[in-house]
Amino acid sequence: MMEINDSNFEEMVAGSSVPVLLDFWAPWCGPCKMISPIVEELSEEYEGKCLVAKCNVDEVDDLPLKFGIRNIPTLLFFKGGELKERMVGAATKAQIVEKLQSIL
């Protein structure tokens, strides 16, 4: 799974030719652990159609501030480098897929 940080965001997310699902998380976050297997599954299921990546808020300074991340997990959905959708808190696979399908 791709890790996004302050130095590779522009290249990997803003410059992506496919939509991007970016999971803001932390290792100590219980709800993050709950959706992590879902995010991993989606990474495999949407390979080639969508980039699924993670951003550890404990290791990255600027991105959580830039996108106003106050609670985790937060999933951001990008298309053409633009933020299109946002989900805050634990969600089901069906809910995440619905948002993802809306940007494909």
N, C-alpha and C. Protein backbone atom coordinates (compact mmCIF):
# COMPACT_ATOMS: atom_id res chain seq x y z
N MET A 1 0.86 -1.17 0.00
CA MET A 1 0.00 0.00 0.00
C MET A 1 0.90 1.23 0.00
N MET A 2 0.56 2.16 -0.86
CA MET A 2 1.33 3.39 -1.00
C MET A 2 1.15 4.27 0.24
N GLU A 3 2.25 4.79 0.77
CA GLU A 3 2.21 5.77 1.87
C GLU A 3 2.41 7.16 1.27
N ILE A 4 1.49 8.04 1.57
CA ILE A 4 1.56 9.41 1.08
C ILE A 4 2.08 10.30 2.21
N ASN A 5 2.99 11.21 1.85
CA ASN A 5 3.52 12.14 2.83
C ASN A 5 3.63 13.53 2.19
N ASP A 6 4.16 14.48 2.95
CA ASP A 6 4.24 15.85 2.45
C ASP A 6 5.07 15.96 1.18
N SER A 7 6.10 15.12 1.05
CA SER A 7 7.00 15.25 -0.10
C SER A 7 6.49 14.57 -1.37
N ASN A 8 5.64 13.54 -1.25
CA ASN A 8 5.20 12.86 -2.48
C ASN A 8 3.73 13.11 -2.83
N PHE A 9 3.02 13.93 -2.04
CA PHE A 9 1.60 14.18 -2.30
C PHE A 9 1.36 14.76 -3.70
N GLU A 10 2.10 15.78 -4.06
CA GLU A 10 1.88 16.43 -5.36
C GLU A 10 2.02 15.45 -6.52
N GLU A 11 3.05 14.64 -6.47
CA GLU A 11 3.29 13.68 -7.55
C GLU A 11 2.27 12.54 -7.55
N MET A 12 2.03 11.96 -6.38
CA MET A 12 1.23 10.74 -6.31
C MET A 12 -0.29 11.00 -6.28
N VAL A 13 -0.73 12.09 -5.68
CA VAL A 13 -2.16 12.35 -5.55
C VAL A 13 -2.60 13.46 -6.49
N ALA A 14 -2.02 14.63 -6.34
CA ALA A 14 -2.44 15.77 -7.18
C ALA A 14 -2.17 15.51 -8.65
N GLY A 15 -1.09 14.77 -8.95
CA GLY A 15 -0.74 14.51 -10.33
C GLY A 15 -1.19 13.16 -10.86
N SER A 16 -2.03 12.46 -10.10
CA SER A 16 -2.44 11.12 -10.50
C SER A 16 -3.39 11.15 -11.70
N SER A 17 -3.17 10.22 -12.60
CA SER A 17 -4.05 10.11 -13.79
C SER A 17 -5.31 9.31 -13.48
N VAL A 18 -5.36 8.68 -12.31
CA VAL A 18 -6.55 7.93 -11.88
C VAL A 18 -7.06 8.55 -10.57
N PRO A 19 -8.32 8.32 -10.23
CA PRO A 19 -8.83 8.81 -8.94
C PRO A 19 -8.02 8.23 -7.78
N VAL A 20 -8.05 8.93 -6.66
CA VAL A 20 -7.26 8.54 -5.49
C VAL A 20 -8.16 8.48 -4.25
N LEU A 21 -8.04 7.40 -3.49
CA LEU A 21 -8.65 7.29 -2.17
C LEU A 21 -7.51 7.37 -1.17
N LEU A 22 -7.52 8.41 -0.34
CA LEU A 22 -6.44 8.63 0.63
C LEU A 22 -6.99 8.49 2.04
N ASP A 23 -6.44 7.53 2.78
CA ASP A 23 -6.87 7.20 4.14
C ASP A 23 -5.92 7.87 5.14
N PHE A 24 -6.44 8.85 5.91
CA PHE A 24 -5.68 9.46 6.99
C PHE A 24 -5.92 8.62 8.23
N TRP A 25 -4.86 8.12 8.86
CA TRP A 25 -4.96 7.16 9.94
C TRP A 25 -3.81 7.33 10.92
N ALA A 26 -3.83 6.56 12.01
CA ALA A 26 -2.72 6.47 12.96
C ALA A 26 -2.74 5.06 13.56
N PRO A 27 -1.57 4.54 13.94
CA PRO A 27 -1.50 3.17 14.45
C PRO A 27 -2.28 2.96 15.75
N TRP A 28 -2.46 3.98 16.55
CA TRP A 28 -3.15 3.86 17.84
C TRP A 28 -4.67 4.02 17.73
N CYS A 29 -5.18 4.31 16.57
CA CYS A 29 -6.60 4.62 16.34
C CYS A 29 -7.41 3.34 16.12
N GLY A 30 -8.33 3.06 17.05
CA GLY A 30 -9.16 1.86 16.95
C GLY A 30 -10.01 1.81 15.69
N PRO A 31 -10.80 2.87 15.39
CA PRO A 31 -11.59 2.85 14.16
C PRO A 31 -10.74 2.72 12.89
N CYS A 32 -9.51 3.28 12.95
CA CYS A 32 -8.60 3.15 11.79
C CYS A 32 -8.26 1.68 11.57
N LYS A 33 -8.03 0.96 12.67
CA LYS A 33 -7.71 -0.47 12.58
C LYS A 33 -8.90 -1.25 12.02
N MET A 34 -10.12 -0.78 12.35
CA MET A 34 -11.32 -1.47 11.87
C MET A 34 -11.47 -1.36 10.35
N ILE A 35 -11.16 -0.19 9.78
CA ILE A 35 -11.35 -0.04 8.33
C ILE A 35 -10.10 -0.37 7.52
N SER A 36 -8.98 -0.56 8.19
CA SER A 36 -7.74 -0.86 7.46
C SER A 36 -7.86 -2.08 6.53
N PRO A 37 -8.46 -3.21 6.98
CA PRO A 37 -8.60 -4.34 6.05
C PRO A 37 -9.48 -4.00 4.84
N ILE A 38 -10.47 -3.15 5.03
CA ILE A 38 -11.33 -2.74 3.91
C ILE A 38 -10.53 -1.93 2.91
N VAL A 39 -9.73 -1.00 3.42
CA VAL A 39 -8.90 -0.16 2.55
C VAL A 39 -7.91 -1.03 1.78
N GLU A 40 -7.34 -2.03 2.45
CA GLU A 40 -6.40 -2.95 1.79
C GLU A 40 -7.11 -3.72 0.67
N GLU A 41 -8.32 -4.22 0.95
CA GLU A 41 -9.09 -4.95 -0.07
C GLU A 41 -9.37 -4.06 -1.28
N LEU A 42 -9.78 -2.82 -1.00
CA LEU A 42 -10.09 -1.90 -2.10
C LEU A 42 -8.86 -1.60 -2.94
N SER A 43 -7.70 -1.55 -2.29
CA SER A 43 -6.45 -1.33 -3.02
C SER A 43 -6.23 -2.41 -4.07
N GLU A 44 -6.55 -3.65 -3.69
CA GLU A 44 -6.39 -4.77 -4.63
C GLU A 44 -7.51 -4.79 -5.67
N GLU A 45 -8.75 -4.58 -5.22
CA GLU A 45 -9.90 -4.66 -6.12
C GLU A 45 -9.91 -3.55 -7.17
N TYR A 46 -9.39 -2.38 -6.84
CA TYR A 46 -9.42 -1.24 -7.76
C TYR A 46 -8.06 -0.95 -8.39
N GLU A 47 -7.15 -1.91 -8.29
CA GLU A 47 -5.82 -1.72 -8.87
C GLU A 47 -5.94 -1.38 -10.36
N GLY A 48 -5.28 -0.33 -10.77
CA GLY A 48 -5.33 0.13 -12.16
C GLY A 48 -6.45 1.11 -12.43
N LYS A 49 -7.51 1.09 -11.60
CA LYS A 49 -8.64 2.01 -11.78
C LYS A 49 -8.58 3.18 -10.81
N CYS A 50 -7.92 2.95 -9.68
CA CYS A 50 -7.89 3.94 -8.61
C CYS A 50 -6.65 3.68 -7.76
N LEU A 51 -6.00 4.74 -7.31
CA LEU A 51 -4.89 4.61 -6.38
C LEU A 51 -5.46 4.68 -4.97
N VAL A 52 -5.20 3.66 -4.16
CA VAL A 52 -5.62 3.66 -2.77
C VAL A 52 -4.35 3.79 -1.94
N ALA A 53 -4.31 4.81 -1.08
CA ALA A 53 -3.09 5.11 -0.34
C ALA A 53 -3.43 5.51 1.09
N LYS A 54 -2.39 5.54 1.94
CA LYS A 54 -2.57 5.89 3.35
C LYS A 54 -1.65 7.04 3.71
N CYS A 55 -2.08 7.81 4.73
CA CYS A 55 -1.27 8.90 5.25
C CYS A 55 -1.32 8.82 6.78
N ASN A 56 -0.19 8.49 7.39
CA ASN A 56 -0.09 8.37 8.84
C ASN A 56 0.02 9.77 9.44
N VAL A 57 -1.01 10.21 10.17
CA VAL A 57 -1.04 11.58 10.70
C VAL A 57 0.03 11.82 11.76
N ASP A 58 0.60 10.76 12.34
CA ASP A 58 1.67 10.91 13.32
C ASP A 58 3.01 11.22 12.64
N GLU A 59 3.11 10.92 11.35
CA GLU A 59 4.38 11.08 10.64
C GLU A 59 4.37 12.21 9.62
N VAL A 60 3.20 12.77 9.34
CA VAL A 60 3.06 13.80 8.31
C VAL A 60 2.49 15.06 8.95
N ASP A 61 3.11 16.19 8.69
CA ASP A 61 2.69 17.44 9.33
C ASP A 61 1.73 18.28 8.49
N ASP A 62 2.08 18.55 7.24
CA ASP A 62 1.35 19.53 6.45
C ASP A 62 0.01 19.05 5.90
N LEU A 63 -0.05 17.82 5.41
CA LEU A 63 -1.28 17.34 4.76
C LEU A 63 -2.50 17.34 5.68
N PRO A 64 -2.39 16.84 6.92
CA PRO A 64 -3.58 16.90 7.79
C PRO A 64 -4.06 18.34 8.01
N LEU A 65 -3.13 19.28 8.13
CA LEU A 65 -3.51 20.69 8.28
C LEU A 65 -4.15 21.22 7.01
N LYS A 66 -3.53 20.92 5.88
CA LYS A 66 -4.03 21.41 4.59
C LYS A 66 -5.47 20.99 4.34
N PHE A 67 -5.82 19.77 4.74
CA PHE A 67 -7.17 19.24 4.47
C PHE A 67 -8.08 19.26 5.69
N GLY A 68 -7.65 19.93 6.76
CA GLY A 68 -8.49 20.08 7.93
C GLY A 68 -8.86 18.78 8.60
N ILE A 69 -7.90 17.86 8.68
CA ILE A 69 -8.15 16.56 9.31
C ILE A 69 -8.16 16.76 10.82
N ARG A 70 -9.33 16.61 11.43
CA ARG A 70 -9.47 16.76 12.88
C ARG A 70 -9.80 15.44 13.55
N ASN A 71 -10.37 14.52 12.81
CA ASN A 71 -10.72 13.20 13.32
C ASN A 71 -10.22 12.15 12.35
N ILE A 72 -9.84 11.01 12.91
CA ILE A 72 -9.42 9.90 12.05
C ILE A 72 -10.21 8.67 12.45
N PRO A 73 -10.43 7.76 11.51
CA PRO A 73 -10.00 7.84 10.12
C PRO A 73 -10.81 8.87 9.33
N THR A 74 -10.12 9.50 8.40
CA THR A 74 -10.77 10.35 7.41
C THR A 74 -10.32 9.85 6.04
N LEU A 75 -11.29 9.60 5.18
CA LEU A 75 -11.01 9.17 3.81
C LEU A 75 -11.29 10.34 2.88
N LEU A 76 -10.31 10.69 2.07
CA LEU A 76 -10.49 11.74 1.07
C LEU A 76 -10.46 11.10 -0.31
N PHE A 77 -11.35 11.56 -1.17
CA PHE A 77 -11.48 11.02 -2.53
C PHE A 77 -11.12 12.13 -3.51
N PHE A 78 -10.09 11.91 -4.32
CA PHE A 78 -9.62 12.89 -5.28
C PHE A 78 -9.85 12.42 -6.70
N LYS A 79 -10.13 13.36 -7.58
CA LYS A 79 -10.20 13.07 -9.01
C LYS A 79 -9.61 14.28 -9.73
N GLY A 80 -8.67 14.00 -10.64
CA GLY A 80 -8.02 15.09 -11.35
C GLY A 80 -7.28 16.03 -10.41
N GLY A 81 -6.80 15.50 -9.30
CA GLY A 81 -6.07 16.31 -8.33
C GLY A 81 -6.94 17.14 -7.40
N GLU A 82 -8.26 17.09 -7.61
CA GLU A 82 -9.19 17.87 -6.78
C GLU A 82 -9.90 16.99 -5.78
N LEU A 83 -10.08 17.51 -4.57
CA LEU A 83 -10.84 16.81 -3.54
C LEU A 83 -12.31 16.81 -3.93
N LYS A 84 -12.89 15.62 -4.05
CA LYS A 84 -14.29 15.49 -4.48
C LYS A 84 -15.23 15.05 -3.36
N GLU A 85 -14.75 14.17 -2.48
CA GLU A 85 -15.58 13.61 -1.41
C GLU A 85 -14.75 13.43 -0.16
N ARG A 86 -15.43 13.35 0.99
CA ARG A 86 -14.77 13.15 2.28
C ARG A 86 -15.66 12.27 3.15
N MET A 87 -15.05 11.33 3.86
CA MET A 87 -15.76 10.50 4.84
C MET A 87 -14.97 10.54 6.13
N VAL A 88 -15.65 10.81 7.24
CA VAL A 88 -14.99 10.87 8.54
C VAL A 88 -15.56 9.77 9.42
N GLY A 89 -14.66 9.03 10.07
CA GLY A 89 -15.06 7.95 10.97
C GLY A 89 -15.09 6.61 10.26
N ALA A 90 -15.29 5.58 11.05
CA ALA A 90 -15.35 4.23 10.50
C ALA A 90 -16.56 4.10 9.58
N ALA A 91 -16.39 3.36 8.52
CA ALA A 91 -17.46 3.17 7.54
C ALA A 91 -17.43 1.73 7.06
N THR A 92 -18.55 1.29 6.51
CA THR A 92 -18.60 -0.05 5.94
C THR A 92 -17.95 -0.05 4.56
N LYS A 93 -17.64 -1.23 4.09
CA LYS A 93 -17.07 -1.34 2.75
C LYS A 93 -18.06 -0.80 1.72
N ALA A 94 -19.34 -1.10 1.89
CA ALA A 94 -20.35 -0.63 0.94
C ALA A 94 -20.40 0.90 0.89
N GLN A 95 -20.29 1.55 2.03
CA GLN A 95 -20.31 3.01 2.07
C GLN A 95 -19.09 3.59 1.36
N ILE A 96 -17.94 3.00 1.59
CA ILE A 96 -16.72 3.49 0.95
C ILE A 96 -16.78 3.25 -0.56
N VAL A 97 -17.24 2.07 -0.97
CA VAL A 97 -17.36 1.75 -2.39
C VAL A 97 -18.32 2.72 -3.08
N GLU A 98 -19.42 3.07 -2.43
CA GLU A 98 -20.37 4.00 -3.00
C GLU A 98 -19.71 5.36 -3.31
N LYS A 99 -18.95 5.86 -2.36
CA LYS A 99 -18.24 7.14 -2.58
C LYS A 99 -17.20 6.98 -3.69
N LEU A 100 -16.49 5.86 -3.66
CA LEU A 100 -15.44 5.62 -4.65
C LEU A 100 -16.05 5.55 -6.05
N GLN A 101 -17.16 4.85 -6.19
CA GLN A 101 -17.82 4.72 -7.49
C GLN A 101 -18.28 6.10 -8.01
N SER A 102 -18.61 7.01 -7.10
CA SER A 102 -19.09 8.32 -7.51
C SER A 102 -18.01 9.16 -8.18
N ILE A 103 -16.72 8.80 -7.97
CA ILE A 103 -15.65 9.58 -8.60
C ILE A 103 -14.98 8.85 -9.75
N LEU A 104 -15.36 7.58 -9.97
CA LEU A 104 -14.74 6.84 -11.07
C LEU A 104 -15.31 7.23 -12.42
